[in-house]
Amino acid sequence: MSNKTFVRLLIAIIIMSILDIILFSPAILAISFDTNPLLFCILILINILCFVFGYMYVTHSTAAKYGYDLDKLKSSNDYKEALESKLGKNSPFYDQVKEALTQIDAMSRKRNVLSEILEQNNQEHFTALTDLANQASNFLFNNIRKILNRIAIFDSDIGNSMEKEYKVYIQKLLDSNENILGEFNKLLTEVSQMDDTSSDDSLSQVLNDMTNSLKVLRGENDSL
C-alpha cells in the first residue's frame, strides 16, 4: 500500500469515527439500541458497509496498486509524482525513470522560455508556436504514460521475464522524447531571433520540421 493510499484510508477512518461519536455519544445525539433499535441497527450496518466498500475502493484502485492513476495524470507535476513513485533503488528501470524525470523538467523549462519570449513579441507565428508547444508536451507526456504502463505491467510480475525487452521499449520512448526536445531547442533559437525579419523564413522552416518530426515519431511509437 502506498503512502497516499494509507493516508486516504486513515482520513476515511477518522471521518467515520467522528460521525460515530456525533451519532452515538450520550452527550450529542445519543442514538442507542434502547432508544431506537431499528435506527441503531441501520446505522451500524451503514458503518460496516462504508468501511468495507471504502477499504476495497482505496486499496484496490489503480492508484493503490501502482501509486498513481493514469487517467488522472494531467500536469507535469502529476507525471513527475507518478514517476517518482517508481524510483526505487532496486527497480531495474531506475535510470530510465530518472531520465524521464529530467525530460519532463526540460520540457517545462523550454515551454516557460517560449512563453516569456512570446509575451515580448506579437508575431504572426504566435498561435502556431503555442499549438506546436502543446503538441510537443502532449507527445512527451503520452510517452511517459506508456513508460509508466509498461513498468506497472512489469511490477505485476507479468513482465519479469522480459526485462530486457521492456528496457528496449522504454528507451525507444525516451529517445523519441529527446528528439522532440532537440527540435524544441531549434525552435527556441529561431523564436529568440523573431525581431530579425530575415529569420522569418527560418522560423517557418523550423516549425515545419518540428511538425514533421512529431508526425514521424508518432508513427514510430504506434508500432511499439
Protein backbone atom coordinates (compact mmCIF):
# COMPACT_ATOMS: atom_id res chain seq x y z
CA MET A 1 0.00 0.00 0.00
CA SER A 2 1.42 3.40 -1.00
CA ASN A 3 1.72 6.28 1.46
CA LYS A 4 -1.07 8.17 -0.31
CA THR A 5 -3.37 5.17 -0.05
CA PHE A 6 -2.59 4.78 3.65
CA VAL A 7 -3.33 8.48 4.27
CA ARG A 8 -6.65 8.27 2.40
CA LEU A 9 -7.70 5.20 4.37
CA LEU A 10 -6.69 6.88 7.63
CA ILE A 11 -8.70 10.01 6.75
CA ALA A 12 -11.76 7.87 5.94
CA ILE A 13 -11.49 6.08 9.32
CA ILE A 14 -11.15 9.39 11.18
CA ILE A 15 -14.23 10.83 9.43
CA MET A 16 -16.28 7.72 10.24
CA SER A 17 -15.12 7.85 13.86
CA ILE A 18 -16.17 11.48 14.20
CA LEU A 19 -19.60 10.72 12.74
CA ASP A 20 -20.00 7.78 15.12
CA ILE A 21 -19.17 10.00 18.08
CA ILE A 22 -21.80 12.51 16.96
CA LEU A 23 -24.43 9.81 16.40
CA PHE A 24 -23.86 7.59 19.41
CA SER A 25 -22.38 9.84 22.09
CA PRO A 26 -24.75 10.33 25.06
CA ALA A 27 -23.77 13.98 25.10
CA ILE A 28 -24.82 14.62 21.49
CA LEU A 29 -27.46 12.64 19.52
CA ALA A 30 -27.34 9.65 21.88
CA ILE A 31 -28.70 7.10 19.40
CA SER A 32 -28.70 3.68 21.06
CA PHE A 33 -30.37 0.30 20.76
CA ASP A 34 -32.60 1.12 23.72
CA THR A 35 -33.85 4.44 22.33
CA ASN A 36 -34.29 3.42 18.70
CA PRO A 37 -33.37 -0.23 17.90
CA LEU A 38 -34.16 -0.03 14.15
CA LEU A 39 -32.21 3.18 13.52
CA PHE A 40 -29.33 1.94 15.66
CA CYS A 41 -29.06 -1.30 13.65
CA ILE A 42 -29.31 0.57 10.34
CA LEU A 43 -26.51 2.94 11.34
CA ILE A 44 -24.28 0.06 12.46
CA LEU A 45 -24.90 -1.69 9.13
CA ILE A 46 -24.08 1.51 7.24
CA ASN A 47 -20.87 1.81 9.26
CA ILE A 48 -19.81 -1.69 8.30
CA LEU A 49 -20.71 -1.24 4.62
CA CYS A 50 -18.93 2.12 4.41
CA PHE A 51 -15.78 0.66 5.91
CA VAL A 52 -15.79 -2.45 3.71
CA PHE A 53 -16.51 -0.62 0.44
CA GLY A 54 -14.21 2.25 1.37
CA TYR A 55 -11.38 -0.13 2.11
CA MET A 56 -11.94 -2.05 -1.13
CA TYR A 57 -12.07 1.16 -3.19
CA VAL A 58 -8.96 2.67 -1.63
CA THR A 59 -6.81 -0.46 -1.67
CA HIS A 60 -7.95 -1.91 -4.99
CA SER A 61 -7.87 1.26 -7.08
CA THR A 62 -5.19 1.81 -9.72
CA ALA A 63 -3.60 4.47 -7.52
CA ALA A 64 -3.36 1.99 -4.65
CA LYS A 65 -1.76 -0.69 -6.80
CA TYR A 66 0.72 1.48 -8.67
CA GLY A 67 0.95 4.73 -6.70
CA TYR A 68 -0.80 6.68 -9.47
CA ASP A 69 -3.85 6.61 -11.73
CA LEU A 70 -3.02 7.09 -15.41
CA ASP A 71 -6.46 8.51 -16.12
CA LYS A 72 -5.89 11.32 -13.63
CA LEU A 73 -2.43 12.43 -14.79
CA LYS A 74 -2.75 15.92 -16.27
CA SER A 75 0.07 18.29 -15.34
CA SER A 76 3.83 17.85 -15.40
CA ASN A 77 3.76 17.58 -11.59
CA ASP A 78 1.29 14.67 -11.85
CA TYR A 79 3.63 12.81 -14.17
CA LYS A 80 6.65 13.57 -12.01
CA GLU A 81 4.90 12.25 -8.89
CA ALA A 82 3.89 9.08 -10.75
CA LEU A 83 7.46 8.52 -11.93
CA GLU A 84 8.91 9.27 -8.50
CA SER A 85 6.68 6.55 -7.04
CA LYS A 86 8.66 4.13 -9.26
CA LEU A 87 12.05 5.50 -8.33
CA GLY A 88 13.04 2.63 -6.07
CA LYS A 89 16.76 1.91 -5.91
CA ASN A 90 16.06 -1.76 -6.61
CA SER A 91 13.99 -1.02 -9.69
CA PRO A 92 15.58 -2.30 -12.92
CA PHE A 93 14.23 0.87 -14.57
CA TYR A 94 15.81 3.33 -12.12
CA ASP A 95 18.00 5.01 -14.76
CA GLN A 96 15.13 5.21 -17.24
CA VAL A 97 12.82 6.80 -14.67
CA LYS A 98 15.49 9.37 -13.79
CA GLU A 99 15.89 10.21 -17.46
CA ALA A 100 12.14 10.58 -17.89
CA LEU A 101 12.01 12.97 -14.92
CA THR A 102 14.82 15.03 -16.47
CA GLN A 103 12.89 15.20 -19.75
CA ILE A 104 9.76 16.49 -18.03
CA ASP A 105 11.77 19.24 -16.34
CA ALA A 106 13.45 20.10 -19.64
CA MET A 107 10.11 20.40 -21.43
CA SER A 108 8.72 22.63 -18.66
CA ARG A 109 11.75 24.93 -18.86
CA LYS A 110 11.57 25.19 -22.64
CA ARG A 111 7.86 25.99 -22.54
CA ASN A 112 8.47 28.70 -19.93
CA VAL A 113 11.20 30.24 -22.08
CA LEU A 114 8.93 30.17 -25.12
CA SER A 115 6.11 31.84 -23.18
CA GLU A 116 8.45 34.58 -21.97
CA ILE A 117 9.67 35.28 -25.49
CA LEU A 118 6.16 35.33 -26.93
CA GLU A 119 4.99 37.76 -24.26
CA GLN A 120 7.53 40.23 -25.60
CA ASN A 121 6.50 39.79 -29.22
CA ASN A 122 3.35 39.98 -31.28
CA GLN A 123 4.13 37.89 -34.30
CA GLU A 124 2.02 36.07 -36.85
CA HIS A 125 3.50 32.77 -35.67
CA PHE A 126 2.21 33.20 -32.09
CA THR A 127 -0.73 30.76 -32.36
CA ALA A 128 1.22 28.24 -34.41
CA LEU A 129 4.06 28.26 -31.89
CA THR A 130 1.74 27.79 -28.92
CA ASP A 131 -0.12 24.96 -30.65
CA LEU A 132 3.15 23.26 -31.56
CA ALA A 133 4.44 23.57 -27.98
CA ASN A 134 1.23 21.95 -26.75
CA GLN A 135 1.62 19.12 -29.25
CA ALA A 136 5.22 18.56 -28.19
CA SER A 137 4.27 18.45 -24.49
CA ASN A 138 1.37 16.09 -25.14
CA PHE A 139 3.66 13.84 -27.19
CA LEU A 140 6.20 13.69 -24.37
CA PHE A 141 3.54 13.05 -21.72
CA ASN A 142 1.97 10.33 -23.83
CA ASN A 143 5.34 8.58 -23.99
CA ILE A 144 5.68 8.92 -20.22
CA ARG A 145 2.24 7.30 -19.84
CA LYS A 146 3.43 4.36 -21.95
CA ILE A 147 6.55 4.07 -19.80
CA LEU A 148 4.51 4.08 -16.60
CA ASN A 149 2.14 1.49 -18.02
CA ARG A 150 4.98 -0.81 -19.02
CA ILE A 151 6.63 -0.52 -15.61
CA ALA A 152 3.28 -1.31 -13.95
CA ILE A 153 2.96 -4.45 -16.07
CA PHE A 154 6.49 -5.47 -15.09
CA ASP A 155 5.78 -4.83 -11.40
CA SER A 156 2.71 -7.04 -11.57
CA ASP A 157 5.08 -9.98 -12.28
CA ILE A 158 3.64 -10.44 -15.76
CA GLY A 159 6.69 -8.97 -17.44
CA ASN A 160 9.52 -10.03 -15.14
CA SER A 161 10.81 -12.49 -17.68
CA MET A 162 11.00 -9.74 -20.32
CA GLU A 163 13.14 -7.15 -18.53
CA LYS A 164 15.49 -6.68 -21.48
CA GLU A 165 12.62 -6.23 -23.96
CA TYR A 166 10.90 -3.74 -21.66
CA LYS A 167 14.08 -1.69 -21.29
CA VAL A 168 14.45 -1.55 -25.08
CA TYR A 169 10.82 -0.44 -25.42
CA ILE A 170 11.19 2.25 -22.75
CA GLN A 171 14.48 3.51 -24.20
CA LYS A 172 12.83 3.97 -27.61
CA LEU A 173 10.22 6.18 -25.97
CA LEU A 174 12.90 8.16 -24.15
CA ASP A 175 14.85 8.58 -27.40
CA SER A 176 11.71 9.91 -29.09
CA ASN A 177 11.32 12.42 -26.27
CA GLU A 178 14.94 13.50 -26.74
CA ASN A 179 14.31 14.05 -30.45
CA ILE A 180 11.39 16.34 -29.71
CA LEU A 181 13.34 18.22 -27.05
CA GLY A 182 16.10 18.71 -29.61
CA GLU A 183 13.61 20.10 -32.12
CA PHE A 184 12.26 22.38 -29.41
CA ASN A 185 15.78 23.76 -28.90
CA LYS A 186 15.96 24.67 -32.59
CA LEU A 187 12.56 26.30 -32.30
CA LEU A 188 13.63 28.41 -29.32
CA THR A 189 16.75 29.54 -31.17
CA GLU A 190 14.69 30.81 -34.08
CA VAL A 191 11.96 32.31 -31.90
CA SER A 192 14.59 34.27 -29.96
CA GLN A 193 15.53 35.93 -33.25
CA MET A 194 12.00 36.94 -34.22
CA ASP A 195 12.95 40.63 -34.18
CA ASP A 196 15.25 39.88 -37.10
CA THR A 197 12.90 39.89 -40.10
CA SER A 198 15.41 37.90 -42.12
CA SER A 199 14.86 34.93 -39.79
CA ASP A 200 11.15 34.65 -40.58
CA ASP A 201 11.70 32.04 -43.30
CA SER A 202 13.99 30.08 -40.98
CA LEU A 203 11.33 30.07 -38.25
CA SER A 204 8.74 28.78 -40.70
CA GLN A 205 11.12 26.01 -41.73
CA VAL A 206 11.77 25.03 -38.11
CA LEU A 207 8.02 24.96 -37.44
CA ASN A 208 7.55 22.63 -40.41
CA ASP A 209 10.49 20.44 -39.36
CA MET A 210 9.19 20.06 -35.81
CA THR A 211 5.67 19.30 -37.05
CA ASN A 212 7.03 16.65 -39.40
CA SER A 213 9.18 15.17 -36.62
CA LEU A 214 6.12 14.81 -34.42
CA LYS A 215 4.25 13.06 -37.23
CA VAL A 216 7.12 10.67 -37.89
CA LEU A 217 7.71 9.89 -34.21
CA ARG A 218 4.01 9.27 -33.62
CA GLY A 219 4.14 6.73 -36.40
CA GLU A 220 7.17 5.08 -34.83
CA ASN A 221 5.59 4.88 -31.40
CA ASP A 222 2.33 3.46 -32.70
CA SER A 223 4.24 0.28 -33.54
CA LEU A 224 5.77 -0.07 -30.07
